[in-house]
């Protein structure tokens, strides 16, 4: 679970969706289909935004940075958050009534 002192669940969920996670819930099958590289990229973006992962197992980034994924290289460019990506995510297409999916 991700956390940030000034962020509630909705704000964390928005960040996850804006960084490319298909849904804000880890257990969802949509998320399970993502590659390790995609998961590592999302984790890197979340960490750069000041969020912290509470699970003792660590983030995909922390666990796989030695794999030399493009996002883990010192010269990598961290893409910015995208409201468009969030609103067009599989989660928001299915659940547009959710707070995370308001523009």
PDB file of N, CA and C in Angstrom:
ATOM      1  N   UNK A   1       0.835  -1.170   0.000  1.00  0.00           N
ATOM      2  CA  UNK A   1       0.000   0.000   0.000  1.00  0.00           C
ATOM      3  C   UNK A   1       0.890   1.246   0.000  1.00  0.00           C
ATOM      4  N   UNK A   2       0.533   2.182  -0.843  1.00  0.00           N
ATOM      5  CA  UNK A   2       1.269   3.441  -0.943  1.00  0.00           C
ATOM      6  C   UNK A   2       0.693   4.457   0.027  1.00  0.00           C
ATOM      7  N   UNK A   3       1.550   5.337   0.533  1.00  0.00           N
ATOM      8  CA  UNK A   3       1.074   6.386   1.427  1.00  0.00           C
ATOM      9  C   UNK A   3       1.904   7.648   1.260  1.00  0.00           C
ATOM     10  N   UNK A   4       1.285   8.741   1.639  1.00  0.00           N
ATOM     11  CA  UNK A   4       1.947  10.036   1.676  1.00  0.00           C
ATOM     12  C   UNK A   4       1.214  10.820   2.757  1.00  0.00           C
ATOM     13  N   UNK A   5       1.920  11.535   3.616  1.00  0.00           N
ATOM     14  CA  UNK A   5       1.271  12.202   4.742  1.00  0.00           C
ATOM     15  C   UNK A   5       0.045  13.047   4.379  1.00  0.00           C
ATOM     16  N   UNK A   6       0.088  13.764   3.285  1.00  0.00           N
ATOM     17  CA  UNK A   6      -1.022  14.655   2.946  1.00  0.00           C
ATOM     18  C   UNK A   6      -1.967  14.075   1.896  1.00  0.00           C
ATOM     19  N   UNK A   7      -1.904  12.766   1.662  1.00  0.00           N
ATOM     20  CA  UNK A   7      -2.719  12.156   0.605  1.00  0.00           C
ATOM     21  C   UNK A   7      -3.643  11.080   1.173  1.00  0.00           C
ATOM     22  N   UNK A   8      -4.922  11.144   0.772  1.00  0.00           N
ATOM     23  CA  UNK A   8      -5.855  10.091   1.154  1.00  0.00           C
ATOM     24  C   UNK A   8      -5.854   9.006   0.074  1.00  0.00           C
ATOM     25  N   UNK A   9      -6.706   7.990   0.239  1.00  0.00           N
ATOM     26  CA  UNK A   9      -6.730   6.883  -0.714  1.00  0.00           C
ATOM     27  C   UNK A   9      -7.015   7.367  -2.128  1.00  0.00           C
ATOM     28  N   UNK A  10      -7.946   8.303  -2.269  1.00  0.00           N
ATOM     29  CA  UNK A  10      -8.311   8.787  -3.603  1.00  0.00           C
ATOM     30  C   UNK A  10      -7.118   9.427  -4.297  1.00  0.00           C
ATOM     31  N   UNK A  11      -6.344  10.221  -3.578  1.00  0.00           N
ATOM     32  CA  UNK A  11      -5.175  10.871  -4.184  1.00  0.00           C
ATOM     33  C   UNK A  11      -4.109   9.854  -4.587  1.00  0.00           C
ATOM     34  N   UNK A  12      -3.903   8.848  -3.755  1.00  0.00           N
ATOM     35  CA  UNK A  12      -2.934   7.801  -4.089  1.00  0.00           C
ATOM     36  C   UNK A  12      -3.426   7.018  -5.305  1.00  0.00           C
ATOM     37  N   UNK A  13      -4.721   6.699  -5.329  1.00  0.00           N
ATOM     38  CA  UNK A  13      -5.294   5.965  -6.465  1.00  0.00           C
ATOM     39  C   UNK A  13      -5.164   6.771  -7.753  1.00  0.00           C
ATOM     40  N   UNK A  14      -5.404   8.074  -7.680  1.00  0.00           N
ATOM     41  CA  UNK A  14      -5.245   8.929  -8.864  1.00  0.00           C
ATOM     42  C   UNK A  14      -3.807   8.871  -9.374  1.00  0.00           C
ATOM     43  N   UNK A  15      -2.853   8.940  -8.456  1.00  0.00           N
ATOM     44  CA  UNK A  15      -1.441   8.890  -8.861  1.00  0.00           C
ATOM     45  C   UNK A  15      -1.129   7.561  -9.551  1.00  0.00           C
ATOM     46  N   UNK A  16      -1.583   6.461  -8.973  1.00  0.00           N
ATOM     47  CA  UNK A  16      -1.334   5.150  -9.585  1.00  0.00           C
ATOM     48  C   UNK A  16      -1.888   5.090 -11.005  1.00  0.00           C
ATOM     49  N   UNK A  17      -3.119   5.565 -11.181  1.00  0.00           N
ATOM     50  CA  UNK A  17      -3.750   5.535 -12.504  1.00  0.00           C
ATOM     51  C   UNK A  17      -3.061   6.495 -13.468  1.00  0.00           C
ATOM     52  N   UNK A  18      -2.651   7.660 -12.982  1.00  0.00           N
ATOM     53  CA  UNK A  18      -1.992   8.648 -13.848  1.00  0.00           C
ATOM     54  C   UNK A  18      -0.598   8.197 -14.268  1.00  0.00           C
ATOM     55  N   UNK A  19      -0.003   7.308 -13.497  1.00  0.00           N
ATOM     56  CA  UNK A  19       1.311   6.777 -13.849  1.00  0.00           C
ATOM     57  C   UNK A  19       1.221   5.491 -14.658  1.00  0.00           C
ATOM     58  N   UNK A  20       0.006   5.029 -14.944  1.00  0.00           N
ATOM     59  CA  UNK A  20      -0.151   3.904 -15.852  1.00  0.00           C
ATOM     60  C   UNK A  20      -0.641   2.593 -15.273  1.00  0.00           C
ATOM     61  N   UNK A  21      -0.964   2.568 -13.995  1.00  0.00           N
ATOM     62  CA  UNK A  21      -1.499   1.333 -13.432  1.00  0.00           C
ATOM     63  C   UNK A  21      -2.937   1.172 -13.941  1.00  0.00           C
ATOM     64  N   UNK A  22      -3.323  -0.010 -14.408  1.00  0.00           N
ATOM     65  CA  UNK A  22      -4.670  -0.188 -14.954  1.00  0.00           C
ATOM     66  C   UNK A  22      -5.779   0.041 -13.928  1.00  0.00           C
ATOM     67  N   UNK A  23      -5.544  -0.371 -12.678  1.00  0.00           N
ATOM     68  CA  UNK A  23      -6.510  -0.156 -11.599  1.00  0.00           C
ATOM     69  C   UNK A  23      -5.725   0.198 -10.336  1.00  0.00           C
ATOM     70  N   UNK A  24      -6.384   0.832  -9.359  1.00  0.00           N
ATOM     71  CA  UNK A  24      -5.650   1.195  -8.141  1.00  0.00           C
ATOM     72  C   UNK A  24      -5.505   0.048  -7.136  1.00  0.00           C
ATOM     73  N   UNK A  25      -5.944  -1.147  -7.501  1.00  0.00           N
ATOM     74  CA  UNK A  25      -5.914  -2.284  -6.584  1.00  0.00           C
ATOM     75  C   UNK A  25      -4.923  -3.336  -7.074  1.00  0.00           C
ATOM     76  N   UNK A  26      -3.941  -3.682  -6.241  1.00  0.00           N
ATOM     77  CA  UNK A  26      -2.895  -4.635  -6.632  1.00  0.00           C
ATOM     78  C   UNK A  26      -3.437  -5.990  -7.066  1.00  0.00           C
ATOM     79  N   UNK A  27      -4.451  -6.481  -6.391  1.00  0.00           N
ATOM     80  CA  UNK A  27      -4.940  -7.834  -6.625  1.00  0.00           C
ATOM     81  C   UNK A  27      -5.702  -7.961  -7.946  1.00  0.00           C
ATOM     82  N   UNK A  28      -6.117  -6.874  -8.528  1.00  0.00           N
ATOM     83  CA  UNK A  28      -6.908  -6.898  -9.757  1.00  0.00           C
ATOM     84  C   UNK A  28      -6.162  -7.609 -10.890  1.00  0.00           C
ATOM     85  N   UNK A  29      -6.835  -8.482 -11.645  1.00  0.00           N
ATOM     86  CA  UNK A  29      -6.189  -9.197 -12.757  1.00  0.00           C
ATOM     87  C   UNK A  29      -5.565  -8.271 -13.805  1.00  0.00           C
ATOM     88  N   UNK A  30      -6.152  -7.096 -14.008  1.00  0.00           N
ATOM     89  CA  UNK A  30      -5.579  -6.135 -14.971  1.00  0.00           C
ATOM     90  C   UNK A  30      -4.137  -5.801 -14.587  1.00  0.00           C
ATOM     91  N   UNK A  31      -3.892  -5.639 -13.297  1.00  0.00           N
ATOM     92  CA  UNK A  31      -2.548  -5.296 -12.822  1.00  0.00           C
ATOM     93  C   UNK A  31      -1.604  -6.489 -12.891  1.00  0.00           C
ATOM     94  N   UNK A  32      -2.130  -7.674 -12.681  1.00  0.00           N
ATOM     95  CA  UNK A  32      -1.296  -8.875 -12.700  1.00  0.00           C
ATOM     96  C   UNK A  32      -0.718  -9.139 -14.085  1.00  0.00           C
ATOM     97  N   UNK A  33      -1.370  -8.622 -15.122  1.00  0.00           N
ATOM     98  CA  UNK A  33      -0.901  -8.839 -16.493  1.00  0.00           C
ATOM     99  C   UNK A  33       0.224  -7.883 -16.895  1.00  0.00           C
ATOM    100  N   UNK A  34       0.501  -6.884 -16.079  1.00  0.00           N
ATOM    101  CA  UNK A  34       1.572  -5.940 -16.415  1.00  0.00           C
ATOM    102  C   UNK A  34       2.939  -6.610 -16.300  1.00  0.00           C
ATOM    103  N   UNK A  35       3.851  -6.191 -17.149  1.00  0.00           N
ATOM    104  CA  UNK A  35       5.218  -6.714 -17.088  1.00  0.00           C
ATOM    105  C   UNK A  35       5.931  -6.170 -15.849  1.00  0.00           C
ATOM    106  N   UNK A  36       6.999  -6.825 -15.460  1.00  0.00           N
ATOM    107  CA  UNK A  36       7.792  -6.340 -14.328  1.00  0.00           C
ATOM    108  C   UNK A  36       8.355  -4.960 -14.654  1.00  0.00           C
ATOM    109  N   UNK A  37       8.739  -4.741 -15.896  1.00  0.00           N
ATOM    110  CA  UNK A  37       9.248  -3.430 -16.302  1.00  0.00           C
ATOM    111  C   UNK A  37       8.177  -2.354 -16.113  1.00  0.00           C
ATOM    112  N   UNK A  38       6.936  -2.635 -16.495  1.00  0.00           N
ATOM    113  CA  UNK A  38       5.848  -1.661 -16.329  1.00  0.00           C
ATOM    114  C   UNK A  38       5.598  -1.384 -14.851  1.00  0.00           C
ATOM    115  N   UNK A  39       5.586  -2.427 -14.040  1.00  0.00           N
ATOM    116  CA  UNK A  39       5.377  -2.254 -12.597  1.00  0.00           C
ATOM    117  C   UNK A  39       6.523  -1.450 -11.981  1.00  0.00           C
ATOM    118  N   UNK A  40       7.734  -1.734 -12.404  1.00  0.00           N
ATOM    119  CA  UNK A  40       8.904  -1.014 -11.899  1.00  0.00           C
ATOM    120  C   UNK A  40       8.834   0.459 -12.292  1.00  0.00           C
ATOM    121  N   UNK A  41       8.386   0.741 -13.505  1.00  0.00           N
ATOM    122  CA  UNK A  41       8.254   2.122 -13.971  1.00  0.00           C
ATOM    123  C   UNK A  41       7.241   2.878 -13.126  1.00  0.00           C
ATOM    124  N   UNK A  42       6.102   2.267 -12.840  1.00  0.00           N
ATOM    125  CA  UNK A  42       5.076   2.916 -12.016  1.00  0.00           C
ATOM    126  C   UNK A  42       5.614   3.164 -10.613  1.00  0.00           C
ATOM    127  N   UNK A  43       6.284   2.179 -10.029  1.00  0.00           N
ATOM    128  CA  UNK A  43       6.851   2.353  -8.689  1.00  0.00           C
ATOM    129  C   UNK A  43       7.863   3.490  -8.657  1.00  0.00           C
ATOM    130  N   UNK A  44       8.690   3.576  -9.670  1.00  0.00           N
ATOM    131  CA  UNK A  44       9.688   4.647  -9.730  1.00  0.00           C
ATOM    132  C   UNK A  44       9.004   6.003  -9.746  1.00  0.00           C
ATOM    133  N   UNK A  45       7.948   6.118 -10.524  1.00  0.00           N
ATOM    134  CA  UNK A  45       7.208   7.379 -10.598  1.00  0.00           C
ATOM    135  C   UNK A  45       6.581   7.717  -9.250  1.00  0.00           C
ATOM    136  N   UNK A  46       6.021   6.724  -8.590  1.00  0.00           N
ATOM    137  CA  UNK A  46       5.394   6.957  -7.287  1.00  0.00           C
ATOM    138  C   UNK A  46       6.444   7.422  -6.272  1.00  0.00           C
ATOM    139  N   UNK A  47       7.596   6.767  -6.248  1.00  0.00           N
ATOM    140  CA  UNK A  47       8.662   7.162  -5.329  1.00  0.00           C
ATOM    141  C   UNK A  47       9.140   8.581  -5.618  1.00  0.00           C
ATOM    142  N   UNK A  48       9.270   8.933  -6.901  1.00  0.00           N
ATOM    143  CA  UNK A  48       9.698  10.281  -7.283  1.00  0.00           C
ATOM    144  C   UNK A  48       8.680  11.334  -6.853  1.00  0.00           C
ATOM    145  N   UNK A  49       7.409  10.932  -6.714  1.00  0.00           N
ATOM    146  CA  UNK A  49       6.348  11.857  -6.309  1.00  0.00           C
ATOM    147  C   UNK A  49       6.265  12.016  -4.799  1.00  0.00           C
ATOM    148  N   UNK A  50       7.129  11.316  -4.082  1.00  0.00           N
ATOM    149  CA  UNK A  50       7.142  11.448  -2.633  1.00  0.00           C
ATOM    150  C   UNK A  50       6.259  10.457  -1.904  1.00  0.00           C
ATOM    151  N   UNK A  51       5.722   9.479  -2.616  1.00  0.00           N
ATOM    152  CA  UNK A  51       4.929   8.453  -1.959  1.00  0.00           C
ATOM    153  C   UNK A  51       5.853   7.355  -1.454  1.00  0.00           C
ATOM    154  N   UNK A  52       5.391   6.642  -0.441  1.00  0.00           N
ATOM    155  CA  UNK A  52       6.190   5.582   0.161  1.00  0.00           C
ATOM    156  C   UNK A  52       5.362   4.306   0.175  1.00  0.00           C
ATOM    157  N   UNK A  53       6.002   3.183  -0.125  1.00  0.00           N
ATOM    158  CA  UNK A  53       5.321   1.891  -0.134  1.00  0.00           C
ATOM    159  C   UNK A  53       5.492   1.244   1.226  1.00  0.00           C
ATOM    160  N   UNK A  54       4.387   0.874   1.876  1.00  0.00           N
ATOM    161  CA  UNK A  54       4.432   0.377   3.247  1.00  0.00           C
ATOM    162  C   UNK A  54       4.743  -1.112   3.376  1.00  0.00           C
ATOM    163  N   UNK A  55       4.579  -1.887   2.331  1.00  0.00           N
ATOM    164  CA  UNK A  55       4.783  -3.333   2.411  1.00  0.00           C
ATOM    165  C   UNK A  55       6.248  -3.654   2.694  1.00  0.00           C
ATOM    166  N   UNK A  56       6.493  -4.570   3.603  1.00  0.00           N
ATOM    167  CA  UNK A  56       7.867  -4.949   3.954  1.00  0.00           C
ATOM    168  C   UNK A  56       8.607  -5.598   2.791  1.00  0.00           C
ATOM    169  N   UNK A  57       7.864  -6.148   1.830  1.00  0.00           N
ATOM    170  CA  UNK A  57       8.487  -6.803   0.687  1.00  0.00           C
ATOM    171  C   UNK A  57       9.153  -5.831  -0.265  1.00  0.00           C
ATOM    172  N   UNK A  58       8.848  -4.552  -0.139  1.00  0.00           N
ATOM    173  CA  UNK A  58       9.448  -3.540  -0.995  1.00  0.00           C
ATOM    174  C   UNK A  58       8.710  -3.354  -2.303  1.00  0.00           C
ATOM    175  N   UNK A  59       9.145  -2.367  -3.050  1.00  0.00           N
ATOM    176  CA  UNK A  59       8.524  -2.060  -4.334  1.00  0.00           C
ATOM    177  C   UNK A  59       9.162  -2.894  -5.439  1.00  0.00           C
ATOM    178  N   UNK A  60       8.516  -2.909  -6.597  1.00  0.00           N
ATOM    179  CA  UNK A  60       9.104  -3.579  -7.759  1.00  0.00           C
ATOM    180  C   UNK A  60      10.445  -2.934  -8.078  1.00  0.00           C
ATOM    181  N   UNK A  61      10.510  -1.609  -7.971  1.00  0.00           N
ATOM    182  CA  UNK A  61      11.758  -0.897  -8.258  1.00  0.00           C
ATOM    183  C   UNK A  61      12.866  -1.367  -7.320  1.00  0.00           C
ATOM    184  N   UNK A  62      12.574  -1.394  -6.027  1.00  0.00           N
ATOM    185  CA  UNK A  62      13.590  -1.800  -5.051  1.00  0.00           C
ATOM    186  C   UNK A  62      14.045  -3.245  -5.270  1.00  0.00           C
ATOM    187  N   UNK A  63      13.116  -4.092  -5.643  1.00  0.00           N
ATOM    188  CA  UNK A  63      13.431  -5.514  -5.799  1.00  0.00           C
ATOM    189  C   UNK A  63      14.080  -5.868  -7.133  1.00  0.00           C
ATOM    190  N   UNK A  64      13.861  -5.039  -8.160  1.00  0.00           N
ATOM    191  CA  UNK A  64      14.342  -5.396  -9.491  1.00  0.00           C
ATOM    192  C   UNK A  64      15.277  -4.369 -10.122  1.00  0.00           C
ATOM    193  N   UNK A  65      15.747  -3.377  -9.352  1.00  0.00           N
ATOM    194  CA  UNK A  65      16.597  -2.346  -9.953  1.00  0.00           C
ATOM    195  C   UNK A  65      17.910  -2.916 -10.492  1.00  0.00           C
ATOM    196  N   UNK A  66      18.338  -4.031  -9.976  1.00  0.00           N
ATOM    197  CA  UNK A  66      19.569  -4.665 -10.471  1.00  0.00           C
ATOM    198  C   UNK A  66      19.365  -5.317 -11.839  1.00  0.00           C
ATOM    199  N   UNK A  67      18.109  -5.459 -12.260  1.00  0.00           N
ATOM    200  CA  UNK A  67      17.808  -6.073 -13.557  1.00  0.00           C
ATOM    201  C   UNK A  67      18.107  -5.123 -14.716  1.00  0.00           C
ATOM    202  N   UNK A  68      18.456  -3.875 -14.404  1.00  0.00           N
ATOM    203  CA  UNK A  68      18.823  -2.878 -15.409  1.00  0.00           C
ATOM    204  C   UNK A  68      17.672  -2.518 -16.353  1.00  0.00           C
ATOM    205  N   UNK A  69      16.473  -2.401 -15.798  1.00  0.00           N
ATOM    206  CA  UNK A  69      15.353  -1.925 -16.603  1.00  0.00           C
ATOM    207  C   UNK A  69      15.639  -0.491 -17.018  1.00  0.00           C
ATOM    208  N   UNK A  70      15.128  -0.056 -18.150  1.00  0.00           N
ATOM    209  CA  UNK A  70      15.394   1.312 -18.614  1.00  0.00           C
ATOM    210  C   UNK A  70      15.089   2.380 -17.557  1.00  0.00           C
ATOM    211  N   UNK A  71      14.014   2.219 -16.812  1.00  0.00           N
ATOM    212  CA  UNK A  71      13.619   3.236 -15.834  1.00  0.00           C
ATOM    213  C   UNK A  71      14.583   3.289 -14.646  1.00  0.00           C
ATOM    214  N   UNK A  72      15.365   2.243 -14.423  1.00  0.00           N
ATOM    215  CA  UNK A  72      16.283   2.184 -13.281  1.00  0.00           C
ATOM    216  C   UNK A  72      17.656   2.762 -13.584  1.00  0.00           C
ATOM    217  N   UNK A  73      17.890   3.129 -14.811  1.00  0.00           N
ATOM    218  CA  UNK A  73      19.191   3.685 -15.181  1.00  0.00           C
ATOM    219  C   UNK A  73      19.289   5.134 -14.714  1.00  0.00           C
ATOM    220  N   UNK A  74      20.476   5.560 -14.309  1.00  0.00           N
ATOM    221  CA  UNK A  74      20.642   6.920 -13.785  1.00  0.00           C
ATOM    222  C   UNK A  74      20.199   8.024 -14.750  1.00  0.00           C
ATOM    223  N   UNK A  75      20.304   7.797 -16.044  1.00  0.00           N
ATOM    224  CA  UNK A  75      19.955   8.839 -17.013  1.00  0.00           C
ATOM    225  C   UNK A  75      18.511   8.746 -17.504  1.00  0.00           C
ATOM    226  N   UNK A  76      17.703   7.899 -16.876  1.00  0.00           N
ATOM    227  CA  UNK A  76      16.328   7.725 -17.354  1.00  0.00           C
ATOM    228  C   UNK A  76      15.490   8.969 -17.062  1.00  0.00           C
ATOM    229  N   UNK A  77      14.527   9.195 -17.917  1.00  0.00           N
ATOM    230  CA  UNK A  77      13.603  10.319 -17.765  1.00  0.00           C
ATOM    231  C   UNK A  77      12.313   9.773 -17.178  1.00  0.00           C
ATOM    232  N   UNK A  78      11.903  10.346 -16.059  1.00  0.00           N
ATOM    233  CA  UNK A  78      10.683   9.911 -15.396  1.00  0.00           C
ATOM    234  C   UNK A  78       9.510  10.682 -15.998  1.00  0.00           C
ATOM    235  N   UNK A  79       8.606   9.997 -16.701  1.00  0.00           N
ATOM    236  CA  UNK A  79       7.456  10.691 -17.293  1.00  0.00           C
ATOM    237  C   UNK A  79       6.562  11.324 -16.221  1.00  0.00           C
ATOM    238  N   UNK A  80       5.873  12.368 -16.591  1.00  0.00           N
ATOM    239  CA  UNK A  80       4.986  13.081 -15.679  1.00  0.00           C
ATOM    240  C   UNK A  80       3.640  12.367 -15.559  1.00  0.00           C
ATOM    241  N   UNK A  81       2.884  12.745 -14.536  1.00  0.00           N
ATOM    242  CA  UNK A  81       1.538  12.211 -14.361  1.00  0.00           C
ATOM    243  C   UNK A  81       0.659  12.648 -15.524  1.00  0.00           C
ATOM    244  N   UNK A  82      -0.337  11.816 -15.842  1.00  0.00           N
ATOM    245  CA  UNK A  82      -1.219  12.107 -16.961  1.00  0.00           C
ATOM    246  C   UNK A  82      -2.678  11.883 -16.563  1.00  0.00           C
ATOM    247  N   UNK A  83      -3.431  12.987 -16.460  1.00  0.00           N
ATOM    248  CA  UNK A  83      -4.858  12.891 -16.160  1.00  0.00           C
ATOM    249  C   UNK A  83      -5.558  12.116 -17.274  1.00  0.00           C
ATOM    250  N   UNK A  84      -5.136  12.342 -18.502  1.00  0.00           N
ATOM    251  CA  UNK A  84      -5.725  11.632 -19.641  1.00  0.00           C
ATOM    252  C   UNK A  84      -5.546  10.122 -19.483  1.00  0.00           C
ATOM    253  N   UNK A  85      -4.366   9.697 -19.044  1.00  0.00           N
ATOM    254  CA  UNK A  85      -4.104   8.268 -18.839  1.00  0.00           C
ATOM    255  C   UNK A  85      -5.030   7.721 -17.750  1.00  0.00           C
ATOM    256  N   UNK A  86      -5.227   8.506 -16.686  1.00  0.00           N
ATOM    257  CA  UNK A  86      -6.108   8.069 -15.592  1.00  0.00           C
ATOM    258  C   UNK A  86      -7.543   7.924 -16.074  1.00  0.00           C
ATOM    259  N   UNK A  87      -8.049   8.938 -16.765  1.00  0.00           N
ATOM    260  CA  UNK A  87      -9.443   8.915 -17.204  1.00  0.00           C
ATOM    261  C   UNK A  87      -9.702   7.842 -18.257  1.00  0.00           C
ATOM    262  N   UNK A  88      -8.672   7.461 -19.001  1.00  0.00           N
ATOM    263  CA  UNK A  88      -8.811   6.412 -20.015  1.00  0.00           C
ATOM    264  C   UNK A  88      -8.346   5.042 -19.521  1.00  0.00           C
ATOM    265  N   UNK A  89      -8.042   4.930 -18.245  1.00  0.00           N
ATOM    266  CA  UNK A  89      -7.591   3.650 -17.691  1.00  0.00           C
ATOM    267  C   UNK A  89      -8.735   2.633 -17.727  1.00  0.00           C
ATOM    268  N   UNK A  90      -8.404   1.340 -17.738  1.00  0.00           N
ATOM    269  CA  UNK A  90      -9.460   0.323 -17.686  1.00  0.00           C
ATOM    270  C   UNK A  90     -10.383   0.515 -16.483  1.00  0.00           C
ATOM    271  N   UNK A  91      -9.817   0.910 -15.349  1.00  0.00           N
ATOM    272  CA  UNK A  91     -10.614   1.118 -14.137  1.00  0.00           C
ATOM    273  C   UNK A  91     -11.644   2.223 -14.336  1.00  0.00           C
ATOM    274  N   UNK A  92     -11.228   3.374 -14.846  1.00  0.00           N
ATOM    275  CA  UNK A  92     -12.152   4.501 -15.012  1.00  0.00           C
ATOM    276  C   UNK A  92     -13.145   4.273 -16.152  1.00  0.00           C
ATOM    277  N   UNK A  93     -12.763   3.499 -17.137  1.00  0.00           N
ATOM    278  CA  UNK A  93     -13.730   3.169 -18.193  1.00  0.00           C
ATOM    279  C   UNK A  93     -14.853   2.301 -17.632  1.00  0.00           C
ATOM    280  N   UNK A  94     -14.530   1.431 -16.666  1.00  0.00           N
ATOM    281  CA  UNK A  94     -15.538   0.553 -16.057  1.00  0.00           C
ATOM    282  C   UNK A  94     -16.273   1.216 -14.898  1.00  0.00           C
ATOM    283  N   UNK A  95     -15.582   2.117 -14.193  1.00  0.00           N
ATOM    284  CA  UNK A  95     -16.129   2.677 -12.951  1.00  0.00           C
ATOM    285  C   UNK A  95     -16.054   4.201 -12.945  1.00  0.00           C
ATOM    286  N   UNK A  96     -16.652   4.828 -13.914  1.00  0.00           N
ATOM    287  CA  UNK A  96     -16.556   6.291 -14.032  1.00  0.00           C
ATOM    288  C   UNK A  96     -17.196   7.024 -12.856  1.00  0.00           C
ATOM    289  N   UNK A  97     -17.998   6.320 -12.053  1.00  0.00           N
ATOM    290  CA  UNK A  97     -18.642   6.940 -10.897  1.00  0.00           C
ATOM    291  C   UNK A  97     -17.689   7.090  -9.706  1.00  0.00           C
ATOM    292  N   UNK A  98     -16.535   6.457  -9.747  1.00  0.00           N
ATOM    293  CA  UNK A  98     -15.589   6.508  -8.635  1.00  0.00           C
ATOM    294  C   UNK A  98     -14.881   7.863  -8.569  1.00  0.00           C
ATOM    295  N   UNK A  99     -14.586   8.310  -7.357  1.00  0.00           N
ATOM    296  CA  UNK A  99     -13.921   9.606  -7.163  1.00  0.00           C
ATOM    297  C   UNK A  99     -12.607   9.702  -7.932  1.00  0.00           C
ATOM    298  N   UNK A 100     -11.899   8.584  -8.033  1.00  0.00           N
ATOM    299  CA  UNK A 100     -10.622   8.584  -8.741  1.00  0.00           C
ATOM    300  C   UNK A 100     -10.780   8.952 -10.207  1.00  0.00           C
ATOM    301  N   UNK A 101     -11.994   8.803 -10.720  1.00  0.00           N
ATOM    302  CA  UNK A 101     -12.239   8.981 -12.152  1.00  0.00           C
ATOM    303  C   UNK A 101     -12.868  10.326 -12.493  1.00  0.00           C
ATOM    304  N   UNK A 102     -13.037  11.184 -11.510  1.00  0.00           N
ATOM    305  CA  UNK A 102     -13.528  12.537 -11.789  1.00  0.00           C
ATOM    306  C   UNK A 102     -12.369  13.354 -12.338  1.00  0.00           C
ATOM    307  N   UNK A 103     -12.676  14.249 -13.280  1.00  0.00           N
ATOM    308  CA  UNK A 103     -11.590  15.048 -13.868  1.00  0.00           C
ATOM    309  C   UNK A 103     -11.150  16.180 -12.993  1.00  0.00           C
TER     310      UNK A 103
END
